């Protein structure tokens, strides 16, 4: 079986400094919570012996660096949806744009998302996009396999997904729809920090990032961006944190008791 997998990724800021032009190539990188989704896709393709992995993202031009990172890991194709009208889109509009792009990329077998992004940290985009595509979605999975046995009705095949929830391991069976299925991948799946020099060279030498805009997706400027977003960021400031150091005196036993007491009162241990 040849799989067509799409992973929706995001380039995030690696230096959250208020003010100025933060969206520069030197200041953006692949969202670390998207790497497990890419790794899972590559494992699935390897298991099935063949397939295609496309990474899809929405953002400004400097976001291409994150896509090159994805290619260096093993993605075959990379698409960036980039348009000035998309600026300050909230998660709802982001999902709307991604769903339009995914419809253009159909047919596909599965769409994978990271559980969240390292900047906005909402976890909304995966389920919202899947809802707009009207395809099944399961979030926060750590395992995904393809059931090759046609155990129910002739011709039907299933994805078997697992996730951990409240001390239990939940196991799901999802029919492999012609219109695709979608999952978000937990960081518990694991990720490889290793990227070969050959992968980096190949990404920047042999691959081109495809650029799509609103027009190519049939979207009007007023349908996207801050003007169309139901939610808007009205302030963005660095959190003020107060650090203090507590010196504990006494014997080792007394110190251990004080540490345990402090942790308990802070709610870190029960």
Protein backbone atom coordinates (compact mmCIF):
# COMPACT_ATOMS: atom_id res chain seq x y z
CA UNK A 1 0.00 0.00 0.00
CA UNK A 2 1.39 3.38 -0.99
CA UNK A 3 0.54 5.98 1.64
CA UNK A 4 -0.04 9.66 0.97
CA UNK A 5 0.53 11.42 4.31
CA UNK A 6 0.31 15.14 5.02
CA UNK A 7 1.73 16.70 8.17
CA UNK A 8 0.57 20.20 9.05
CA UNK A 9 3.44 22.06 10.70
CA UNK A 10 4.20 25.52 11.99
CA UNK A 11 7.32 27.65 12.22
CA UNK A 12 7.58 29.26 15.64
CA UNK A 13 9.70 32.03 17.09
CA UNK A 14 12.77 30.84 18.94
CA UNK A 15 13.37 34.23 20.52
CA UNK A 16 10.20 35.73 21.95
CA UNK A 17 11.28 39.37 22.15
CA UNK A 18 8.43 41.93 22.16
CA UNK A 19 8.67 44.69 19.58
CA UNK A 20 10.48 44.92 16.27
CA UNK A 21 10.36 42.47 13.37
CA UNK A 22 10.29 39.08 15.07
CA UNK A 23 9.49 37.12 11.89
CA UNK A 24 12.97 36.67 10.46
CA UNK A 25 14.62 33.50 9.20
CA UNK A 26 17.14 33.67 12.04
CA UNK A 27 14.32 33.90 14.56
CA UNK A 28 12.07 31.06 13.34
CA UNK A 29 12.30 27.29 13.51
CA UNK A 30 10.14 24.19 13.14
CA UNK A 31 7.71 23.81 16.03
CA UNK A 32 9.29 21.09 18.23
CA UNK A 33 5.86 19.50 18.86
CA UNK A 34 5.53 18.86 15.11
CA UNK A 35 8.65 16.69 14.89
CA UNK A 36 6.97 13.62 16.47
CA UNK A 37 4.23 13.87 13.81
CA UNK A 38 6.85 13.92 11.05
CA UNK A 39 8.71 10.99 12.63
CA UNK A 40 5.47 8.99 12.90
CA UNK A 41 4.70 9.68 9.23
CA UNK A 42 8.16 8.51 8.19
CA UNK A 43 7.79 5.34 10.29
CA UNK A 44 4.44 4.56 8.64
CA UNK A 45 5.87 5.08 5.16
CA UNK A 46 8.88 2.90 6.00
CA UNK A 47 6.58 0.19 7.36
CA UNK A 48 4.53 0.20 4.16
CA UNK A 49 7.79 0.28 2.10
CA UNK A 50 6.70 3.30 0.08
CA UNK A 51 4.70 6.52 0.21
CA UNK A 52 4.83 10.28 0.08
CA UNK A 53 5.15 12.76 2.93
CA UNK A 54 4.03 16.34 2.32
CA UNK A 55 4.47 19.06 4.94
CA UNK A 56 1.97 21.91 4.83
CA UNK A 57 2.34 25.18 6.70
CA UNK A 58 0.88 28.68 6.87
CA UNK A 59 2.99 31.70 7.72
CA UNK A 60 5.26 34.49 6.49
CA UNK A 61 8.15 33.95 4.05
CA UNK A 62 10.74 33.34 6.83
CA UNK A 63 8.68 30.28 7.84
CA UNK A 64 10.29 28.45 4.91
CA UNK A 65 13.24 27.68 7.18
CA UNK A 66 11.04 25.39 9.30
CA UNK A 67 9.90 23.62 6.14
CA UNK A 68 13.48 23.07 5.05
CA UNK A 69 14.06 21.51 8.45
CA UNK A 70 11.15 19.15 7.77
CA UNK A 71 12.60 18.23 4.37
CA UNK A 72 16.00 17.54 5.93
CA UNK A 73 14.29 15.04 8.25
CA UNK A 74 12.71 13.23 5.31
CA UNK A 75 9.67 15.06 3.87
CA UNK A 76 9.28 14.76 0.08
CA UNK A 77 7.30 17.92 -0.57
CA UNK A 78 6.78 21.20 1.27
CA UNK A 79 4.09 23.84 0.80
CA UNK A 80 3.87 27.24 2.50
CA UNK A 81 0.61 29.18 2.39
CA UNK A 82 1.83 32.76 2.44
CA UNK A 83 -0.21 35.90 1.85
CA UNK A 84 -0.15 39.36 3.51
CA UNK A 85 -3.90 39.02 4.07
CA UNK A 86 -3.27 36.05 6.41
CA UNK A 87 -1.47 38.16 9.00
CA UNK A 88 -2.74 37.69 12.58
CA UNK A 89 -5.18 34.92 11.67
CA UNK A 90 -6.49 33.12 14.75
CA UNK A 91 -6.79 29.32 15.04
CA UNK A 92 -10.23 29.26 13.42
CA UNK A 93 -9.03 31.08 10.30
CA UNK A 94 -5.81 29.05 10.27
CA UNK A 95 -7.89 25.86 10.24
CA UNK A 96 -10.10 27.31 7.50
CA UNK A 97 -7.08 28.04 5.31
CA UNK A 98 -5.42 24.68 5.99
CA UNK A 99 -8.66 22.82 5.23
CA UNK A 100 -8.89 24.59 1.87
CA UNK A 101 -5.32 23.59 1.08
CA UNK A 102 -5.92 20.00 2.18
CA UNK A 103 -8.95 19.76 -0.11
CA UNK A 104 -6.69 20.84 -2.94
CA UNK A 105 -4.24 18.08 -1.97
CA UNK A 106 -6.84 15.31 -1.90
CA UNK A 107 -6.78 12.37 -2.11
CA UNK A 108 -4.66 11.61 0.97
CA UNK A 109 -4.68 8.78 3.50
CA UNK A 110 -4.00 10.61 6.74
CA UNK A 111 -3.25 14.08 8.07
CA UNK A 112 -1.06 14.44 11.14
CA UNK A 113 -0.66 17.41 13.47
CA UNK A 114 1.51 18.17 16.47
CA UNK A 115 -0.49 18.32 19.68
CA UNK A 116 0.21 22.03 20.06
CA UNK A 117 2.61 24.79 19.10
CA UNK A 118 5.41 26.11 21.25
CA UNK A 119 4.16 29.69 20.94
CA UNK A 120 0.34 29.95 21.14
CA UNK A 121 -0.06 26.53 22.83
CA UNK A 122 -3.79 26.14 22.05
CA UNK A 123 -4.02 22.69 20.46
CA UNK A 124 -7.02 23.94 18.45
CA UNK A 125 -5.85 23.71 14.85
CA UNK A 126 -5.83 19.92 14.45
CA UNK A 127 -9.41 19.26 15.59
CA UNK A 128 -10.74 22.45 13.97
CA UNK A 129 -9.23 21.57 10.59
CA UNK A 130 -10.54 18.01 10.78
CA UNK A 131 -14.01 19.27 11.63
CA UNK A 132 -14.00 21.57 8.60
CA UNK A 133 -12.91 18.64 6.40
CA UNK A 134 -15.55 16.41 8.01
CA UNK A 135 -13.05 13.61 8.63
CA UNK A 136 -12.43 11.53 11.80
CA UNK A 137 -9.95 12.96 14.32
CA UNK A 138 -8.23 11.49 17.39
CA UNK A 139 -5.87 13.63 19.43
CA UNK A 140 -2.70 13.01 21.39
CA UNK A 141 -1.92 9.54 20.04
CA UNK A 142 1.40 7.80 20.68
CA UNK A 143 0.93 4.79 18.40
CA UNK A 144 -0.58 4.31 14.94
CA UNK A 145 -0.65 1.14 12.86
CA UNK A 146 -2.55 -0.04 9.81
CA UNK A 147 -4.79 -3.06 10.16
CA UNK A 148 -4.22 -5.08 7.01
CA UNK A 149 -6.79 -7.72 8.00
CA UNK A 150 -10.23 -7.13 6.58
CA UNK A 151 -11.99 -8.30 9.74
CA UNK A 152 -15.39 -6.66 9.39
CA UNK A 153 -16.79 -5.94 5.98
CA UNK A 154 -15.05 -6.99 2.81
CA UNK A 155 -12.85 -4.23 1.46
CA UNK A 156 -12.72 -2.16 4.69
CA UNK A 157 -9.42 -1.49 6.42
CA UNK A 158 -8.69 0.29 9.68
CA UNK A 159 -6.16 2.46 11.46
CA UNK A 160 -5.39 1.36 15.02
CA UNK A 161 -4.48 4.32 17.25
CA UNK A 162 -3.51 4.40 20.91
CA UNK A 163 -3.23 7.24 23.40
CA UNK A 164 -2.70 7.57 27.14
CA UNK A 165 -5.42 9.27 29.15
CA UNK A 166 -5.93 9.49 32.94
CA UNK A 167 -3.74 6.49 33.68
CA UNK A 168 -5.28 4.34 30.93
CA UNK A 169 -4.21 3.40 27.42
CA UNK A 170 -7.11 3.98 25.03
CA UNK A 171 -7.19 1.99 21.81
CA UNK A 172 -9.20 3.23 18.81
CA UNK A 173 -10.14 1.66 15.52
CA UNK A 174 -10.74 4.19 12.73
CA UNK A 175 -12.03 3.25 9.33
CA UNK A 176 -9.64 4.19 6.54
CA UNK A 177 -11.97 6.61 4.75
CA UNK A 178 -11.44 7.57 1.13
CA UNK A 179 -11.46 11.21 2.24
CA UNK A 180 -8.77 10.53 4.85
CA UNK A 181 -8.49 10.52 8.64
CA UNK A 182 -6.53 12.76 10.99
CA UNK A 183 -4.59 12.54 14.25
CA UNK A 184 -2.48 14.72 16.48
CA UNK A 185 0.71 13.06 17.71
CA UNK A 186 1.84 13.16 21.32
CA UNK A 187 5.43 14.04 22.13
CA UNK A 188 5.39 10.70 24.00
CA UNK A 189 5.86 9.09 20.58
CA UNK A 190 9.39 10.41 20.74
CA UNK A 191 11.44 12.36 18.30
CA UNK A 192 14.90 12.18 16.83
CA UNK A 193 17.06 15.27 17.26
CA UNK A 194 19.45 13.87 14.69
CA UNK A 195 19.45 15.46 11.26
CA UNK A 196 22.21 14.33 8.93
CA UNK A 197 24.44 16.76 7.08
CA UNK A 198 23.38 15.02 3.89
CA UNK A 199 19.74 15.70 4.76
CA UNK A 200 20.44 19.39 5.34
CA UNK A 201 22.44 19.71 2.12
CA UNK A 202 19.77 17.90 0.13
CA UNK A 203 16.97 20.05 1.58
CA UNK A 204 18.59 23.35 0.66
CA UNK A 205 20.08 22.19 -2.65
CA UNK A 206 17.47 19.99 -4.28
CA UNK A 207 14.09 21.00 -2.89
CA UNK A 208 11.94 24.04 -3.58
CA UNK A 209 9.23 25.25 -1.23
CA UNK A 210 5.92 25.66 -3.05
CA UNK A 211 4.21 28.96 -2.21
CA UNK A 212 0.41 29.17 -2.26
CA UNK A 213 -1.62 32.29 -1.56
CA UNK A 214 -5.26 33.21 -0.92
CA UNK A 215 -6.03 33.38 -4.61
CA UNK A 216 -4.80 29.85 -5.25
CA UNK A 217 -7.14 28.62 -2.50
CA UNK A 218 -10.13 30.64 -3.69
CA UNK A 219 -10.14 32.88 -0.61
CA UNK A 220 -10.82 36.61 -0.56
CA UNK A 221 -8.59 38.89 1.56
CA UNK A 222 -11.52 39.76 3.84
CA UNK A 223 -12.11 36.06 4.56
CA UNK A 224 -8.77 35.66 6.34
CA UNK A 225 -6.40 37.47 8.67
CA UNK A 226 -7.22 39.60 11.67
CA UNK A 227 -10.29 41.11 9.99
CA UNK A 228 -12.04 37.73 9.79
CA UNK A 229 -10.71 36.20 13.02
CA UNK A 230 -13.30 35.75 15.78
CA UNK A 231 -10.53 36.01 18.41
CA UNK A 232 -7.78 38.62 18.48
CA UNK A 233 -4.64 39.08 20.55
CA UNK A 234 -4.93 42.47 22.26
CA UNK A 235 -1.66 42.32 24.21
CA UNK A 236 1.57 40.36 24.12
CA UNK A 237 4.13 40.85 26.89
CA UNK A 238 6.78 38.81 28.58
CA UNK A 239 5.64 37.28 31.86
CA UNK A 240 7.18 38.82 34.98
CA UNK A 241 8.64 36.18 37.24
CA UNK A 242 10.00 36.63 40.72
CA UNK A 243 12.86 34.32 41.65
CA UNK A 244 13.92 33.61 45.20
CA UNK A 245 16.36 31.29 46.86
CA UNK A 246 15.61 29.52 50.14
CA UNK A 247 18.49 28.20 52.25
CA UNK A 248 17.57 25.29 54.51
CA UNK A 249 19.58 24.70 57.66
CA UNK A 250 19.87 21.63 59.87
CA UNK A 251 20.86 18.02 59.65
CA UNK A 252 20.39 16.08 56.41
CA UNK A 253 17.22 14.56 57.85
CA UNK A 254 15.85 17.98 58.81
CA UNK A 255 16.72 19.40 55.40
CA UNK A 256 14.98 16.50 53.64
CA UNK A 257 11.88 17.03 55.79
CA UNK A 258 11.83 20.77 55.02
CA UNK A 259 12.25 20.14 51.28
CA UNK A 260 9.36 17.66 51.34
CA UNK A 261 7.22 20.14 53.25
CA UNK A 262 7.99 22.98 50.83
CA UNK A 263 7.19 20.81 47.80
CA UNK A 264 3.94 19.63 49.38
CA UNK A 265 2.81 23.15 50.24
CA UNK A 266 3.63 24.28 46.69
CA UNK A 267 1.47 21.48 45.31
CA UNK A 268 4.30 19.63 43.54
CA UNK A 269 3.81 16.40 45.58
CA UNK A 270 0.72 14.94 47.17
